[in-house]
C-alpha atoms as a PDB file:
ATOM      1  CA  MET A   1     -33.316-104.939 -66.396  1.00  0.00           C
ATOM      2  CA  CYS A   2     -33.061-102.954 -64.368  1.00  0.00           C
ATOM      3  CA  ASP A   3     -35.868-100.277 -65.680  1.00  0.00           C
ATOM      4  CA  LEU A   4     -38.863-101.708 -63.444  1.00  0.00           C
ATOM      5  CA  LEU A   5     -37.419 -99.173 -60.411  1.00  0.00           C
ATOM      6  CA  THR A   6     -39.200 -96.289 -59.976  1.00  0.00           C
ATOM      7  CA  PRO A   7     -37.548 -92.378 -59.262  1.00  0.00           C
ATOM      8  CA  ALA A   8     -35.057 -92.297 -56.627  1.00  0.00           C
ATOM      9  CA  GLY A   9     -36.350 -92.723 -52.548  1.00  0.00           C
ATOM     10  CA  SER A  10     -40.052 -93.165 -53.845  1.00  0.00           C
ATOM     11  CA  VAL A  11     -42.419 -95.548 -52.055  1.00  0.00           C
ATOM     12  CA  ARG A  12     -44.947 -97.859 -53.691  1.00  0.00           C
ATOM     13  CA  PRO A  13     -47.261 -99.877 -52.385  1.00  0.00           C
ATOM     14  CA  HIS A  14     -46.354-103.462 -52.812  1.00  0.00           C
ATOM     15  CA  SER A  15     -45.136-103.242 -56.207  1.00  0.00           C
ATOM     16  CA  PRO A  16     -42.766-106.037 -57.795  1.00  0.00           C
ATOM     17  CA  VAL A  17     -39.246-105.991 -56.409  1.00  0.00           C
ATOM     18  CA  PRO A  18     -36.970-105.212 -59.067  1.00  0.00           C
ATOM     19  CA  LEU A  19     -33.334-106.676 -60.077  1.00  0.00           C
ATOM     20  CA  PRO A  20     -30.572-104.808 -57.493  1.00  0.00           C
ATOM     21  CA  SER A  21     -29.372-101.703 -59.118  1.00  0.00           C
ATOM     22  CA  PHE A  22     -26.233-101.678 -57.022  1.00  0.00           C
ATOM     23  CA  PHE A  23     -23.867-103.870 -54.716  1.00  0.00           C
ATOM     24  CA  LEU A  24     -21.544-102.972 -52.003  1.00  0.00           C
ATOM     25  CA  VAL A  25     -18.329-104.962 -52.886  1.00  0.00           C
ATOM     26  CA  GLY A  26     -16.738-104.149 -49.567  1.00  0.00           C
ATOM     27  CA  PRO A  27     -13.959-105.911 -49.869  1.00  0.00           C
ATOM     28  CA  PRO A  28     -14.713-107.715 -46.423  1.00  0.00           C
ATOM     29  CA  ARG A  29     -14.215-105.918 -42.867  1.00  0.00           C
ATOM     30  CA  THR A  30     -15.057-102.381 -44.249  1.00  0.00           C
ATOM     31  CA  GLY A  31     -18.344-101.853 -41.931  1.00  0.00           C
ATOM     32  CA  THR A  32     -20.786-103.813 -44.674  1.00  0.00           C
ATOM     33  CA  SER A  33     -22.563-106.043 -41.841  1.00  0.00           C
ATOM     34  CA  TRP A  34     -23.213-102.258 -40.132  1.00  0.00           C
ATOM     35  CA  LEU A  35     -24.139-101.268 -43.317  1.00  0.00           C
ATOM     36  CA  HIS A  36     -26.463-103.994 -44.239  1.00  0.00           C
ATOM     37  CA  GLU A  37     -28.173-103.628 -40.676  1.00  0.00           C
ATOM     38  CA  VAL A  38     -29.067 -99.913 -41.540  1.00  0.00           C
ATOM     39  CA  LEU A  39     -29.645 -99.508 -45.294  1.00  0.00           C
ATOM     40  CA  GLY A  40     -31.917-103.081 -44.817  1.00  0.00           C
ATOM     41  CA  ARG A  41     -34.601-101.109 -42.800  1.00  0.00           C
ATOM     42  CA  ARG A  42     -34.627 -98.307 -46.040  1.00  0.00           C
ATOM     43  CA  MET A  43     -34.254-100.577 -48.793  1.00  0.00           C
ATOM     44  CA  GLN A  44     -34.807-104.057 -49.987  1.00  0.00           C
ATOM     45  CA  LEU A  45     -31.661-105.858 -49.625  1.00  0.00           C
ATOM     46  CA  PRO A  46     -31.985-110.342 -49.667  1.00  0.00           C
ATOM     47  CA  THR A  47     -33.992-111.527 -46.632  1.00  0.00           C
ATOM     48  CA  ASP A  48     -32.490-113.743 -44.119  1.00  0.00           C
ATOM     49  CA  VAL A  49     -29.041-113.629 -45.277  1.00  0.00           C
ATOM     50  CA  LYS A  50     -26.428-111.085 -45.722  1.00  0.00           C
ATOM     51  CA  GLU A  51     -24.730-112.207 -49.110  1.00  0.00           C
ATOM     52  CA  THR A  52     -26.316-114.627 -51.328  1.00  0.00           C
ATOM     53  CA  ARG A  53     -22.917-115.328 -53.191  1.00  0.00           C
ATOM     54  CA  PHE A  54     -24.997-115.837 -56.250  1.00  0.00           C
ATOM     55  CA  PHE A  55     -22.894-114.339 -58.922  1.00  0.00           C
ATOM     56  CA  ASP A  56     -19.000-115.708 -57.422  1.00  0.00           C
ATOM     57  CA  VAL A  57     -20.241-119.068 -56.161  1.00  0.00           C
ATOM     58  CA  HIS A  58     -24.046-120.181 -56.932  1.00  0.00           C
ATOM     59  CA  TYR A  59     -24.044-118.793 -60.185  1.00  0.00           C
ATOM     60  CA  HIS A  60     -25.410-121.939 -61.784  1.00  0.00           C
ATOM     61  CA  ARG A  61     -28.375-122.674 -59.640  1.00  0.00           C
ATOM     62  CA  GLY A  62     -30.509-119.834 -61.524  1.00  0.00           C
ATOM     63  CA  TRP A  63     -32.397-116.895 -61.562  1.00  0.00           C
ATOM     64  CA  GLN A  64     -34.895-118.718 -59.950  1.00  0.00           C
ATOM     65  CA  TRP A  65     -32.798-119.188 -56.825  1.00  0.00           C
ATOM     66  CA  TYR A  66     -31.647-115.721 -56.756  1.00  0.00           C
ATOM     67  CA  ARG A  67     -34.693-113.927 -56.992  1.00  0.00           C
ATOM     68  CA  ALA A  68     -35.690-116.216 -54.220  1.00  0.00           C
ATOM     69  CA  HIS A  69     -34.126-114.440 -51.904  1.00  0.00           C
ATOM     70  CA  TYR A  70     -36.354-111.142 -52.581  1.00  0.00           C
ATOM     71  CA  PRO A  71     -39.416-110.462 -51.713  1.00  0.00           C
ATOM     72  CA  GLU A  72     -42.349-110.639 -54.462  1.00  0.00           C
ATOM     73  CA  THR A  73     -43.508-107.205 -53.708  1.00  0.00           C
ATOM     74  CA  SER A  74     -42.056-104.713 -51.230  1.00  0.00           C
ATOM     75  CA  VAL A  75     -43.028-100.854 -50.300  1.00  0.00           C
ATOM     76  CA  TYR A  76     -38.891-100.076 -51.776  1.00  0.00           C
ATOM     77  CA  SER A  77     -38.390 -98.868 -54.422  1.00  0.00           C
ATOM     78  CA  VAL A  78     -34.512 -99.780 -54.282  1.00  0.00           C
ATOM     79  CA  ALA A  79     -33.127-103.002 -54.459  1.00  0.00           C
ATOM     80  CA  GLY A  80     -29.666-103.912 -53.759  1.00  0.00           C
ATOM     81  CA  GLU A  81     -27.022-106.603 -52.305  1.00  0.00           C
ATOM     82  CA  VAL A  82     -24.165-106.063 -49.744  1.00  0.00           C
ATOM     83  CA  ALA A  83     -21.490-108.129 -51.668  1.00  0.00           C
ATOM     84  CA  PRO A  84     -18.184-107.947 -49.785  1.00  0.00           C
ATOM     85  CA  THR A  85     -16.739-111.160 -51.857  1.00  0.00           C
ATOM     86  CA  TYR A  86     -17.306-109.939 -55.185  1.00  0.00           C
ATOM     87  CA  PHE A  87     -15.056-107.161 -54.839  1.00  0.00           C
ATOM     88  CA  ALA A  88     -11.694-109.200 -55.537  1.00  0.00           C
ATOM     89  CA  SER A  89     -13.923-111.592 -58.328  1.00  0.00           C
ATOM     90  CA  ALA A  90     -13.386-111.340 -62.106  1.00  0.00           C
ATOM     91  CA  THR A  91     -16.276-113.894 -62.482  1.00  0.00           C
ATOM     92  CA  ALA A  92     -18.738-111.847 -60.631  1.00  0.00           C
ATOM     93  CA  ARG A  93     -18.126-108.876 -62.176  1.00  0.00           C
ATOM     94  CA  ALA A  94     -18.358-110.120 -65.292  1.00  0.00           C
ATOM     95  CA  ARG A  95     -21.568-111.693 -64.477  1.00  0.00           C
ATOM     96  CA  ILE A  96     -23.321-108.363 -63.023  1.00  0.00           C
ATOM     97  CA  VAL A  97     -21.915-106.518 -66.195  1.00  0.00           C
ATOM     98  CA  GLU A  98     -23.777-109.330 -68.749  1.00  0.00           C
ATOM     99  CA  THR A  99     -27.187-109.596 -66.846  1.00  0.00           C
ATOM    100  CA  ILE A 100     -27.601-105.947 -64.776  1.00  0.00           C
ATOM    101  CA  GLN A 101     -26.136-103.520 -67.361  1.00  0.00           C
ATOM    102  CA  ALA A 102     -27.160-100.143 -65.340  1.00  0.00           C
ATOM    103  CA  ALA A 103     -25.665-101.661 -62.467  1.00  0.00           C
ATOM    104  CA  LYS A 104     -23.992 -99.596 -60.180  1.00  0.00           C
ATOM    105  CA  VAL A 105     -21.047-100.872 -57.415  1.00  0.00           C
ATOM    106  CA  VAL A 106     -19.548 -99.157 -54.284  1.00  0.00           C
ATOM    107  CA  CYS A 107     -16.066 -99.810 -52.956  1.00  0.00           C
ATOM    108  CA  ILE A 108     -14.723 -99.329 -49.571  1.00  0.00           C
ATOM    109  CA  PHE A 109     -11.469 -98.921 -48.591  1.00  0.00           C
ATOM    110  CA  ARG A 110      -9.947 -99.527 -45.329  1.00  0.00           C
ATOM    111  CA  GLU A 111      -5.799 -99.660 -43.991  1.00  0.00           C
ATOM    112  CA  PRO A 112      -5.065-103.047 -45.756  1.00  0.00           C
ATOM    113  CA  ILE A 113      -3.090-104.421 -43.256  1.00  0.00           C
ATOM    114  CA  ALA A 114      -5.800-104.070 -40.287  1.00  0.00           C
ATOM    115  CA  ARG A 115      -8.411-105.151 -43.055  1.00  0.00           C
ATOM    116  CA  ILE A 116      -6.377-108.035 -43.581  1.00  0.00           C
ATOM    117  CA  GLU A 117      -6.170-108.593 -40.197  1.00  0.00           C
ATOM    118  CA  SER A 118      -9.662-108.568 -39.041  1.00  0.00           C
ATOM    119  CA  LEU A 119     -10.966-110.798 -42.012  1.00  0.00           C
ATOM    120  CA  TYR A 120      -8.328-113.910 -40.790  1.00  0.00           C
ATOM    121  CA  ARG A 121      -9.397-113.488 -37.307  1.00  0.00           C
ATOM    122  CA  VAL A 122     -13.104-113.876 -38.582  1.00  0.00           C
ATOM    123  CA  LYS A 123     -12.141-116.844 -40.975  1.00  0.00           C
ATOM    124  CA  CYS A 124     -10.391-118.584 -38.421  1.00  0.00           C
ATOM    125  CA  ALA A 125     -13.333-117.811 -35.295  1.00  0.00           C
ATOM    126  CA  TYR A 126     -15.971-119.596 -37.329  1.00  0.00           C
ATOM    127  CA  GLY A 127     -13.441-122.534 -38.444  1.00  0.00           C
ATOM    128  CA  MET A 128     -12.978-121.223 -42.099  1.00  0.00           C
ATOM    129  CA  ILE A 129      -8.772-121.762 -41.369  1.00  0.00           C
ATOM    130  CA  GLY A 130      -6.981-122.861 -38.426  1.00  0.00           C
ATOM    131  CA  CYS A 131      -3.185-121.912 -38.854  1.00  0.00           C
ATOM    132  CA  THR A 132      -1.090-119.120 -37.935  1.00  0.00           C
ATOM    133  CA  PHE A 133      -1.514-115.725 -39.713  1.00  0.00           C
ATOM    134  CA  GLU A 134       1.811-116.123 -41.572  1.00  0.00           C
ATOM    135  CA  GLU A 135       0.672-119.370 -42.917  1.00  0.00           C
ATOM    136  CA  ALA A 136      -2.893-118.231 -43.823  1.00  0.00           C
ATOM    137  CA  LEU A 137      -0.974-115.441 -45.632  1.00  0.00           C
ATOM    138  CA  GLN A 138       0.499-118.171 -48.033  1.00  0.00           C
ATOM    139  CA  ARG A 139      -2.256-120.339 -47.974  1.00  0.00           C
ATOM    140  CA  ASP A 140      -5.837-118.730 -48.534  1.00  0.00           C
ATOM    141  CA  PRO A 141      -4.965-115.984 -51.625  1.00  0.00           C
ATOM    142  CA  GLU A 142      -8.138-114.493 -50.535  1.00  0.00           C
ATOM    143  CA  LEU A 143      -6.559-112.604 -47.687  1.00  0.00           C
ATOM    144  CA  LEU A 144      -4.053-110.780 -49.555  1.00  0.00           C
ATOM    145  CA  GLU A 145      -5.940-110.393 -53.506  1.00  0.00           C
ATOM    146  CA  SER A 146      -8.708-108.783 -52.030  1.00  0.00           C
ATOM    147  CA  SER A 147      -6.664-106.242 -50.795  1.00  0.00           C
ATOM    148  CA  ARG A 148      -5.406-104.709 -54.146  1.00  0.00           C
ATOM    149  CA  TYR A 149      -7.444-102.003 -54.394  1.00  0.00           C
ATOM    150  CA  ALA A 150      -6.327-100.674 -56.546  1.00  0.00           C
ATOM    151  CA  THR A 151      -5.979-102.778 -59.638  1.00  0.00           C
ATOM    152  CA  HIS A 152      -9.736-103.986 -58.516  1.00  0.00           C
ATOM    153  CA  LEU A 153     -10.725-100.426 -58.690  1.00  0.00           C
ATOM    154  CA  ASN A 154      -9.545 -99.943 -61.690  1.00  0.00           C
ATOM    155  CA  ALA A 155     -11.269-103.020 -63.461  1.00  0.00           C
ATOM    156  CA  TRP A 156     -14.438-102.219 -61.797  1.00  0.00           C
ATOM    157  CA  GLN A 157     -13.799 -99.018 -63.696  1.00  0.00           C
ATOM    158  CA  SER A 158     -13.427 -99.971 -67.118  1.00  0.00           C
ATOM    159  CA  ALA A 159     -16.088-102.890 -66.623  1.00  0.00           C
ATOM    160  CA  LEU A 160     -18.917-100.582 -65.884  1.00  0.00           C
ATOM    161  CA  GLY A 161     -17.640 -97.136 -66.261  1.00  0.00           C
ATOM    162  CA  LYS A 162     -16.362 -94.328 -63.658  1.00  0.00           C
ATOM    163  CA  ASP A 163     -19.372 -92.381 -62.910  1.00  0.00           C
ATOM    164  CA  ARG A 164     -21.217 -95.736 -62.043  1.00  0.00           C
ATOM    165  CA  VAL A 165     -18.657 -97.171 -59.746  1.00  0.00           C
ATOM    166  CA  LEU A 166     -18.336 -94.946 -56.310  1.00  0.00           C
ATOM    167  CA  ALA A 167     -15.138 -95.541 -53.897  1.00  0.00           C
ATOM    168  CA  LEU A 168     -15.392 -94.418 -50.119  1.00  0.00           C
ATOM    169  CA  VAL A 169     -12.815 -95.092 -47.773  1.00  0.00           C
ATOM    170  CA  TYR A 170     -13.263 -96.570 -44.004  1.00  0.00           C
ATOM    171  CA  ASP A 171     -12.184 -93.753 -42.075  1.00  0.00           C
ATOM    172  CA  ASP A 172     -14.970 -91.416 -43.370  1.00  0.00           C
ATOM    173  CA  LEU A 173     -17.293 -94.056 -41.924  1.00  0.00           C
ATOM    174  CA  CYS A 174     -15.879 -94.036 -38.821  1.00  0.00           C
ATOM    175  CA  GLN A 175     -15.525 -90.585 -38.447  1.00  0.00           C
ATOM    176  CA  SER A 176     -18.482 -89.036 -39.886  1.00  0.00           C
ATOM    177  CA  PRO A 177     -20.957 -91.691 -40.336  1.00  0.00           C
ATOM    178  CA  GLN A 178     -23.866 -89.871 -41.680  1.00  0.00           C
ATOM    179  CA  ALA A 179     -21.672 -87.631 -43.808  1.00  0.00           C
ATOM    180  CA  PHE A 180     -20.609 -90.790 -45.085  1.00  0.00           C
ATOM    181  CA  LEU A 181     -24.570 -92.617 -45.741  1.00  0.00           C
ATOM    182  CA  ASP A 182     -25.087 -89.321 -46.972  1.00  0.00           C
ATOM    183  CA  ARG A 183     -22.993 -89.717 -50.335  1.00  0.00           C
ATOM    184  CA  LEU A 184     -23.696 -93.327 -50.421  1.00  0.00           C
ATOM    185  CA  ALA A 185     -27.918 -92.706 -50.940  1.00  0.00           C
ATOM    186  CA  ASP A 186     -26.980 -89.807 -53.347  1.00  0.00           C
ATOM    187  CA  PHE A 187     -25.354 -92.468 -55.473  1.00  0.00           C
ATOM    188  CA  ILE A 188     -27.487 -95.434 -55.370  1.00  0.00           C
ATOM    189  CA  GLY A 189     -30.720 -93.113 -55.673  1.00  0.00           C
ATOM    190  CA  LEU A 190     -31.620 -93.374 -52.125  1.00  0.00           C
ATOM    191  CA  GLU A 191     -33.543 -90.649 -50.177  1.00  0.00           C
ATOM    192  CA  ARG A 192     -30.957 -89.311 -47.173  1.00  0.00           C
ATOM    193  CA  PHE A 193     -32.033 -90.254 -44.189  1.00  0.00           C
ATOM    194  CA  ALA A 194     -30.792 -89.766 -40.647  1.00  0.00           C
ATOM    195  CA  LEU A 195     -29.316 -92.148 -38.441  1.00  0.00           C
ATOM    196  CA  ALA A 196     -30.807 -93.333 -34.945  1.00  0.00           C
ATOM    197  CA  PRO A 197     -28.668 -93.120 -31.543  1.00  0.00           C
ATOM    198  CA  SER A 198     -29.329 -96.828 -31.657  1.00  0.00           C
ATOM    199  CA  GLU A 199     -27.290 -97.413 -35.454  1.00  0.00           C
ATOM    200  CA  MET A 200     -24.373 -95.867 -33.944  1.00  0.00           C
ATOM    201  CA  ARG A 201     -22.618 -98.618 -32.793  1.00  0.00           C
ATOM    202  CA  ARG A 202     -20.473-101.405 -34.471  1.00  0.00           C
ATOM    203  CA  VAL A 203     -21.542-104.785 -35.697  1.00  0.00           C
ATOM    204  CA  ARG A 204     -20.176-107.633 -35.809  1.00  0.00           C
ATOM    205  CA  PRO A 205     -16.525-106.264 -34.790  1.00  0.00           C
ATOM    206  CA  SER A 206     -13.447-108.658 -34.956  1.00  0.00           C
ATOM    207  CA  ALA A 207     -10.966-107.519 -31.727  1.00  0.00           C
ATOM    208  CA  SER A 208     -12.868-109.527 -29.504  1.00  0.00           C
ATOM    209  CA  LEU A 209     -13.125-112.713 -31.541  1.00  0.00           C
ATOM    210  CA  THR A 210     -10.581-115.814 -30.344  1.00  0.00           C
ATOM    211  CA  ARG A 211     -10.244-119.189 -31.594  1.00  0.00           C
ATOM    212  CA  PRO A 212     -12.931-121.821 -31.906  1.00  0.00           C
ATOM    213  CA  ARG A 213     -12.795-124.074 -28.667  1.00  0.00           C
ATOM    214  CA  ASN A 214     -12.813-127.429 -31.138  1.00  0.00           C
ATOM    215  CA  TYR A 215     -12.089-126.154 -34.650  1.00  0.00           C
ATOM    216  CA  TYR A 216     -13.387-129.115 -36.325  1.00  0.00           C
ATOM    217  CA  ARG A 217     -16.756-128.645 -34.878  1.00  0.00           C
ATOM    218  CA  THR A 218     -16.758-124.949 -35.523  1.00  0.00           C
ATOM    219  CA  ARG A 219     -15.939-126.260 -39.443  1.00  0.00           C
ATOM    220  CA  ALA A 220     -18.528-129.026 -39.191  1.00  0.00           C
ATOM    221  CA  LEU A 221     -21.262-126.448 -38.154  1.00  0.00           C
ATOM    222  CA  ILE A 222     -20.670-124.029 -40.787  1.00  0.00           C
ATOM    223  CA  ARG A 223     -20.459-126.167 -43.370  1.00  0.00           C
ATOM    224  CA  LEU A 224     -23.862-127.474 -42.396  1.00  0.00           C
ATOM    225  CA  SER A 225     -24.719-123.600 -42.327  1.00  0.00           C
ATOM    226  CA  ASN A 226     -23.547-123.167 -45.562  1.00  0.00           C
ATOM    227  CA  TRP A 227     -25.442-126.509 -46.921  1.00  0.00           C
ATOM    228  CA  CYS A 228     -29.112-124.865 -45.524  1.00  0.00           C
ATOM    229  CA  LYS A 229     -28.374-121.716 -46.736  1.00  0.00           C
ATOM    230  CA  CYS A 230     -28.299-123.156 -50.400  1.00  0.00           C
ATOM    231  CA  ARG A 231     -31.256-124.842 -50.114  1.00  0.00           C
ATOM    232  CA  GLY A 232     -33.206-121.811 -48.328  1.00  0.00           C
ATOM    233  CA  LEU A 233     -33.233-123.409 -44.933  1.00  0.00           C
ATOM    234  CA  HIS A 234     -32.323-119.677 -43.809  1.00  0.00           C
ATOM    235  CA  ARG A 235     -35.066-120.509 -40.597  1.00  0.00           C
ATOM    236  CA  VAL A 236     -33.367-123.780 -39.926  1.00  0.00           C
ATOM    237  CA  VAL A 237     -30.131-121.159 -39.481  1.00  0.00           C
ATOM    238  CA  ALA A 238     -31.904-118.562 -37.564  1.00  0.00           C
ATOM    239  CA  THR A 239     -32.288-121.031 -35.084  1.00  0.00           C
ATOM    240  CA  VAL A 240     -29.403-122.792 -34.762  1.00  0.00           C
ATOM    241  CA  ARG A 241     -27.840-119.109 -34.318  1.00  0.00           C
ATOM    242  CA  ASN A 242     -30.346-118.584 -31.580  1.00  0.00           C
ATOM    243  CA  SER A 243     -28.862-121.666 -29.943  1.00  0.00           C
ATOM    244  CA  PRO A 244     -26.887-122.981 -26.968  1.00  0.00           C
ATOM    245  CA  LEU A 245     -25.336-125.008 -30.115  1.00  0.00           C
ATOM    246  CA  HIS A 246     -23.909-121.960 -31.570  1.00  0.00           C
ATOM    247  CA  ARG A 247     -21.747-120.536 -28.737  1.00  0.00           C
ATOM    248  CA  LEU A 248     -20.941-123.878 -27.767  1.00  0.00           C
ATOM    249  CA  CYS A 249     -18.959-123.892 -31.342  1.00  0.00           C
ATOM    250  CA  LEU A 250     -18.007-120.229 -31.775  1.00  0.00           C
ATOM    251  CA  GLY A 251     -15.258-118.347 -29.454  1.00  0.00           C
ATOM    252  CA  GLY A 252     -14.099-120.093 -25.915  1.00  0.00           C
ATOM    253  CA  GLY A 253     -10.358-120.863 -27.187  1.00  0.00           C
ATOM    254  CA  SER A 254      -7.462-118.968 -27.028  1.00  0.00           C
ATOM    255  CA  PRO A 255      -7.046-115.316 -28.236  1.00  0.00           C
ATOM    256  CA  PHE A 256      -5.452-114.573 -31.094  1.00  0.00           C
ATOM    257  CA  PRO A 257      -1.597-113.437 -30.709  1.00  0.00           C
ATOM    258  CA  PRO A 258      -1.057-109.378 -32.038  1.00  0.00           C
ATOM    259  CA  MET A 259       0.528-109.448 -35.405  1.00  0.00           C
ATOM    260  CA  SER A 260       4.304-109.194 -35.275  1.00  0.00           C
ATOM    261  CA  LEU A 261       6.362-106.029 -36.549  1.00  0.00           C
ATOM    262  CA  THR A 262       8.252-108.258 -39.306  1.00  0.00           C
ATOM    263  CA  THR A 263       4.777-109.582 -40.735  1.00  0.00           C
ATOM    264  CA  LYS A 264       3.119-106.226 -40.522  1.00  0.00           C
ATOM    265  CA  ALA A 265       6.416-104.314 -42.515  1.00  0.00           C
ATOM    266  CA  ARG A 266       6.505-107.440 -45.130  1.00  0.00           C
ATOM    267  CA  LEU A 267       3.028-106.913 -45.836  1.00  0.00           C
ATOM    268  CA  TYR A 268       3.285-103.055 -46.241  1.00  0.00           C
ATOM    269  CA  GLU A 269       6.100-103.980 -48.758  1.00  0.00           C
ATOM    270  CA  VAL A 270       4.436-106.083 -50.720  1.00  0.00           C
ATOM    271  CA  LEU A 271       0.872-103.641 -50.927  1.00  0.00           C
ATOM    272  CA  ARG A 272       2.649-100.431 -51.270  1.00  0.00           C
ATOM    273  CA  SER A 273       2.665-100.034 -54.779  1.00  0.00           C
ATOM    274  CA  GLU A 274      -1.202-100.808 -54.512  1.00  0.00           C
ATOM    275  CA  ILE A 275      -1.416 -97.774 -51.920  1.00  0.00           C
ATOM    276  CA  ASP A 276       0.086 -95.585 -54.130  1.00  0.00           C
ATOM    277  CA  GLU A 277      -2.009 -95.894 -56.939  1.00  0.00           C
ATOM    278  CA  LEU A 278      -4.987 -95.603 -55.136  1.00  0.00           C
ATOM    279  CA  GLU A 279      -3.891 -92.407 -53.878  1.00  0.00           C
ATOM    280  CA  THR A 280      -3.661 -91.147 -57.364  1.00  0.00           C
ATOM    281  CA  LEU A 281      -6.951 -93.168 -58.109  1.00  0.00           C
ATOM    282  CA  LEU A 282      -8.840 -91.132 -55.436  1.00  0.00           C
ATOM    283  CA  ASN A 283      -6.409 -87.671 -55.195  1.00  0.00           C
ATOM    284  CA  ARG A 284      -6.407 -88.610 -51.661  1.00  0.00           C
ATOM    285  CA  ASP A 285      -3.252 -88.877 -49.082  1.00  0.00           C
ATOM    286  CA  PHE A 286      -2.661 -92.359 -47.251  1.00  0.00           C
ATOM    287  CA  ALA A 287       0.411 -92.096 -45.608  1.00  0.00           C
ATOM    288  CA  LEU A 288      -1.073 -93.028 -42.614  1.00  0.00           C
ATOM    289  CA  TRP A 289      -1.267 -96.430 -44.318  1.00  0.00           C
ATOM    290  CA  LYS A 290       2.701 -96.516 -45.150  1.00  0.00           C
ATOM    291  CA  GLY A 291       3.328 -95.999 -41.383  1.00  0.00           C
ATOM    292  CA  LEU A 292       6.445 -98.938 -41.345  1.00  0.00           C
ATOM    293  CA  ALA A 293       9.686 -98.451 -43.291  1.00  0.00           C
ATOM    294  CA  PRO A 294       9.930-101.924 -46.034  1.00  0.00           C
ATOM    295  CA  LEU A 295      12.443-104.545 -45.335  1.00  0.00           C
ATOM    296  CA  GLN A 296      15.092-105.000 -47.435  1.00  0.00           C
ATOM    297  CA  ARG A 297      14.403-108.034 -48.635  1.00  0.00           C
ATOM    298  CA  ASP A 298      12.165-109.642 -51.796  1.00  0.00           C
ATOM    299  CA  ALA A 299       8.795-110.030 -50.215  1.00  0.00           C
ATOM    300  CA  ARG A 300       8.303-113.167 -52.211  1.00  0.00           C
ATOM    301  CA  GLN A 301      10.635-115.454 -50.011  1.00  0.00           C
ATOM    302  CA  VAL A 302       8.349-114.843 -46.862  1.00  0.00           C
ATOM    303  CA  PHE A 303       5.197-114.728 -49.148  1.00  0.00           C
ATOM    304  CA  PRO A 304       5.713-117.923 -52.265  1.00  0.00           C
ATOM    305  CA  THR A 305       2.405-117.815 -53.257  1.00  0.00           C
ATOM    306  CA  LEU A 306       3.011-113.914 -54.242  1.00  0.00           C
ATOM    307  CA  THR A 307       4.602-113.504 -58.164  1.00  0.00           C
ATOM    308  CA  GLU A 308       5.934-109.718 -58.830  1.00  0.00           C
ATOM    309  CA  GLY A 309       3.500-107.106 -58.104  1.00  0.00           C
ATOM    310  CA  GLY A 310       2.244-108.968 -54.908  1.00  0.00           C
ATOM    311  CA  ILE A 311      -0.113-110.657 -57.368  1.00  0.00           C
ATOM    312  CA  PRO A 312      -1.214-114.095 -55.907  1.00  0.00           C
ATOM    313  CA  ASN A 313       0.849-116.856 -57.734  1.00  0.00           C
ATOM    314  CA  PRO A 314      -2.134-118.920 -59.607  1.00  0.00           C
ATOM    315  CA  ASN A 315      -0.337-122.109 -59.895  1.00  0.00           C
ATOM    316  CA  ILE A 316      -0.104-122.093 -55.944  1.00  0.00           C
ATOM    317  CA  ARG A 317      -3.886-122.915 -55.312  1.00  0.00           C
ATOM    318  CA  SER A 318      -5.793-122.074 -51.929  1.00  0.00           C
ATOM    319  CA  GLU A 319      -5.895-124.884 -49.255  1.00  0.00           C
ATOM    320  CA  PRO A 320      -7.741-125.451 -46.180  1.00  0.00           C
ATOM    321  CA  CYS A 321      -5.186-124.355 -43.064  1.00  0.00           C
ATOM    322  CA  LEU A 322      -5.448-127.318 -40.456  1.00  0.00           C
END
């Protein structure tokens, strides 16, 4: 399905847009919003929306719905999708393998404790969850599941082949964005480009986020936004995003307290085996990711959603944190 692509990095005048040849699957909070902005100026990504959620949530809407996120013609020869929720989704992985046989996948790995905390703050700020961090760890399996780096990297490599899965590290993006992008561009078949000074900034950092003024009002706005996106009403979403209503519903609440050292230590205990295996897979030292000594207690007593090895218990369903 991807044989419509022209040679790497070439530009053609308004040719039919091919199916995505690559997916940047994150996981979330690994620089994907910044990469979406930067790459979107040089290649074809879904229009009006960063994440279609097609392969994990909206697959039932069909290919016509998915292709409507891409223009009929484009000057770019490379098409892709930035889709961080696909990383930990076995369903999305199977659907991509089945329907886009030549697809490539890019994973980005960030120190897992900081990434989990960042994801929690974003979910809370946008009304997806409204409980404490410790409660969210038990009620929202995505927080920990998306940190099972080695497990899901192995799964992607097994499904697509190691040569079609690129594993990058968020620390490298922070230290040398240009070198990071050069490696990414070479892998996806995009001609290398130089970053402009205006592009050397963070996009949507979580450090400045606060809880919403009113959780239920924010949650209602986000649900309305998702409803509109599913029906292609992206202009409505953009109008609301730039209106006073958006500023009224997002932010303005209390700041997030820092994560306790006890919680950090317990998370390190849960995720240590994943970090150890990732070191082996990437032949890289992640000692700085293991900075806290593990506590002498079973992590399953703290996080009952976990089974042996830190795997979310399938018998415990995710529920809203109200």
